Structure formats: C-alpha cells, structure tokens
Protein backbone atom coordinates (compact mmCIF):
# COMPACT_ATOMS: atom_id res chain seq x y z
CA MET A 1 -10.76 -23.93 -66.37
CA SER A 2 -8.42 -23.49 -63.48
CA LYS A 3 -9.32 -22.15 -59.97
CA PHE A 4 -7.93 -19.12 -60.45
CA GLU A 5 -9.62 -18.55 -63.67
CA ALA A 6 -13.00 -19.53 -61.95
CA ALA A 7 -12.17 -16.93 -59.22
CA MET A 8 -11.41 -14.28 -61.38
CA ASP A 9 -14.92 -14.60 -63.70
CA LYS A 10 -17.00 -14.49 -60.34
CA ALA A 11 -15.01 -11.15 -59.47
CA GLU A 12 -15.68 -9.92 -62.88
CA ALA A 13 -19.07 -10.78 -63.18
CA GLN A 14 -19.66 -8.95 -59.65
CA LEU A 15 -17.93 -5.86 -61.06
CA LYS A 16 -20.37 -6.07 -64.20
CA GLU A 17 -23.26 -6.17 -62.27
CA GLN A 18 -22.37 -2.79 -60.74
CA LYS A 19 -21.67 -1.40 -64.16
CA VAL A 20 -17.84 -1.41 -63.78
CA ARG A 21 -15.68 -1.39 -66.58
CA VAL A 22 -13.42 -4.07 -65.96
CA ASP A 23 -9.62 -4.33 -67.26
CA ARG A 24 -9.19 -8.24 -66.94
CA GLU A 25 -5.18 -7.72 -66.96
CA LEU A 26 -5.57 -5.47 -63.76
CA LEU A 27 -8.08 -7.63 -62.27
CA ASP A 28 -5.89 -10.62 -62.90
CA ALA A 29 -2.90 -9.10 -61.46
CA ILE A 30 -4.94 -8.17 -58.10
CA GLY A 31 -6.20 -11.53 -58.00
CA LYS A 32 -2.52 -13.28 -58.08
CA SER A 33 -1.18 -10.80 -55.33
CA LEU A 34 -3.87 -12.46 -53.03
CA GLY A 35 -2.30 -15.63 -53.05
CA PRO A 36 -3.84 -18.84 -51.65
CA SER A 37 -6.45 -16.58 -49.48
CA LEU A 38 -8.14 -15.98 -53.01
CA TYR A 39 -9.25 -19.85 -52.68
CA LYS A 40 -10.24 -19.68 -49.06
CA LYS A 41 -14.21 -18.98 -48.64
CA ASP A 42 -13.88 -16.83 -45.60
CA ALA A 43 -10.62 -15.05 -46.89
CA SER A 44 -11.89 -14.29 -50.23
CA LEU A 45 -14.92 -12.11 -49.03
CA VAL A 46 -14.78 -8.70 -47.53
CA ALA A 47 -16.67 -8.32 -44.27
CA ALA A 48 -17.35 -4.49 -45.09
CA GLY A 49 -19.46 -4.58 -41.91
CA GLN A 50 -16.71 -5.04 -39.53
CA LYS A 51 -14.31 -1.86 -38.76
CA LYS A 52 -11.47 -4.42 -37.94
CA GLU A 53 -11.57 -5.77 -41.39
CA LEU A 54 -11.71 -2.48 -43.16
CA GLU A 55 -8.54 -1.14 -40.85
CA THR A 56 -6.66 -4.24 -41.94
CA ILE A 57 -7.44 -3.66 -45.68
CA LYS A 58 -6.33 0.09 -45.00
CA LYS A 59 -3.17 -1.05 -43.28
CA ASN A 60 -1.96 -4.12 -45.27
CA PHE A 61 -3.47 -3.07 -48.64
CA LEU A 62 -3.86 0.44 -49.17
CA VAL A 63 -0.69 1.53 -47.17
CA LYS A 64 1.75 -1.39 -47.56
CA LYS A 65 0.83 -2.68 -50.78
CA LEU A 66 -0.14 0.60 -52.52
CA GLY A 67 2.12 2.76 -50.73
CA LEU A 68 -0.37 5.31 -49.77
CA GLU A 69 -0.36 7.42 -46.77
CA ASP A 70 -2.96 6.57 -43.92
CA GLY A 71 -5.66 9.22 -43.48
CA PRO A 72 -9.41 10.20 -44.25
CA LYS A 73 -9.19 9.67 -48.07
CA LEU A 74 -8.78 5.75 -47.59
CA ASP A 75 -11.64 5.58 -45.48
CA LYS A 76 -13.81 7.29 -48.16
CA ALA A 77 -12.35 5.34 -50.89
CA MET A 78 -13.48 2.10 -48.82
CA ASP A 79 -16.69 3.55 -48.24
CA LYS A 80 -17.22 4.23 -52.09
CA ALA A 81 -15.92 0.85 -52.74
CA VAL A 82 -18.64 -0.65 -50.44
CA ASP A 83 -21.22 1.67 -52.14
CA LYS A 84 -20.13 0.45 -55.48
CA ILE A 85 -20.45 -3.22 -54.89
CA GLY A 86 -23.80 -2.66 -52.96
CA ARG A 87 -24.01 -2.18 -49.00
CA SER A 88 -26.80 -4.91 -48.80
CA ARG A 89 -24.50 -7.39 -50.59
CA ARG A 90 -23.51 -9.87 -48.29
CA ASN A 91 -20.56 -11.30 -50.39
CA LYS A 92 -18.28 -8.76 -51.61
CA LEU A 93 -15.67 -10.74 -53.28
CA ARG A 94 -12.17 -9.46 -52.33
CA PRO A 95 -10.49 -9.21 -56.00
CA ALA A 96 -13.59 -7.14 -57.03
CA PHE A 97 -13.43 -4.71 -53.63
CA TYR A 98 -9.69 -4.42 -54.15
CA TYR A 99 -10.10 -3.61 -58.19
CA ILE A 100 -12.57 -0.66 -57.31
CA LEU A 101 -9.90 0.84 -54.54
CA VAL A 102 -7.18 0.50 -57.18
CA LYS A 103 -9.20 2.31 -59.73
CA ASN A 104 -10.61 4.85 -57.84
CA LEU A 105 -7.09 5.59 -56.04
CA LYS A 106 -5.44 5.40 -59.46
CA LYS A 107 -2.65 3.13 -58.41
CA GLU A 108 -2.92 0.85 -61.46
CA GLU A 109 0.75 0.88 -61.96
CA VAL A 110 1.35 -1.17 -58.85
CA PHE A 111 0.18 -4.08 -60.72
CA VAL A 112 1.42 -3.59 -64.20
C-alpha cells in the first residue's frame, strides 16, 4: 500500500466514524490536491482551535481553490465541519475536514 492510499484510508475511516458517507474518488481527488503536505504530520492535520489556521483554510482553500466568495457562510461551513468531526477530537485529518467542506458547500465539481 502506498503512503497516499494509507493517508486516504485514515481519512476515510475518520469520516466513517462520524457516519459520513464517503465518495472515495472525491476524497482521493481532494487528497491529491493537498500535494506533499499530506505526508507531513503537522500539515496533514487541521488545528481547528487556531483562528489563524481557519483563516488560512478559508482564504486558500474555500476562496482560491473552490472559488467561493468570502463571508459568514464560509465560517459557518467550517464550524459545521469541526462539529461533524468532533470538537474534542484533537487530530482532524485535513483530507477529511476538506471533504466535509466540499460536500456541505456542494463544490464537488471542482475535483471531478
């Protein structure tokens, strides 16, 4: 099994723990878009408790990558993603977090 497959299996397992139905093709596409950061321990996780981290996700992923307009809707979407994975869960895997955002914001077409 490749490093990529192992990382995606972990993300899929985290999503399934939260009873999220997973489209593996979409999850893999999101994972590929993360590039080498997927394999770096710190970069592969979302520090949802850090405002700066969430601002970076909003600016670089939601606005630039997904083409969404900045606003309260994006903050609410990130808040829902944090709730879905679990606020008390320390290790929120970036591919899983982004997958929830993409599904909730209905932006799957960016990755297919």
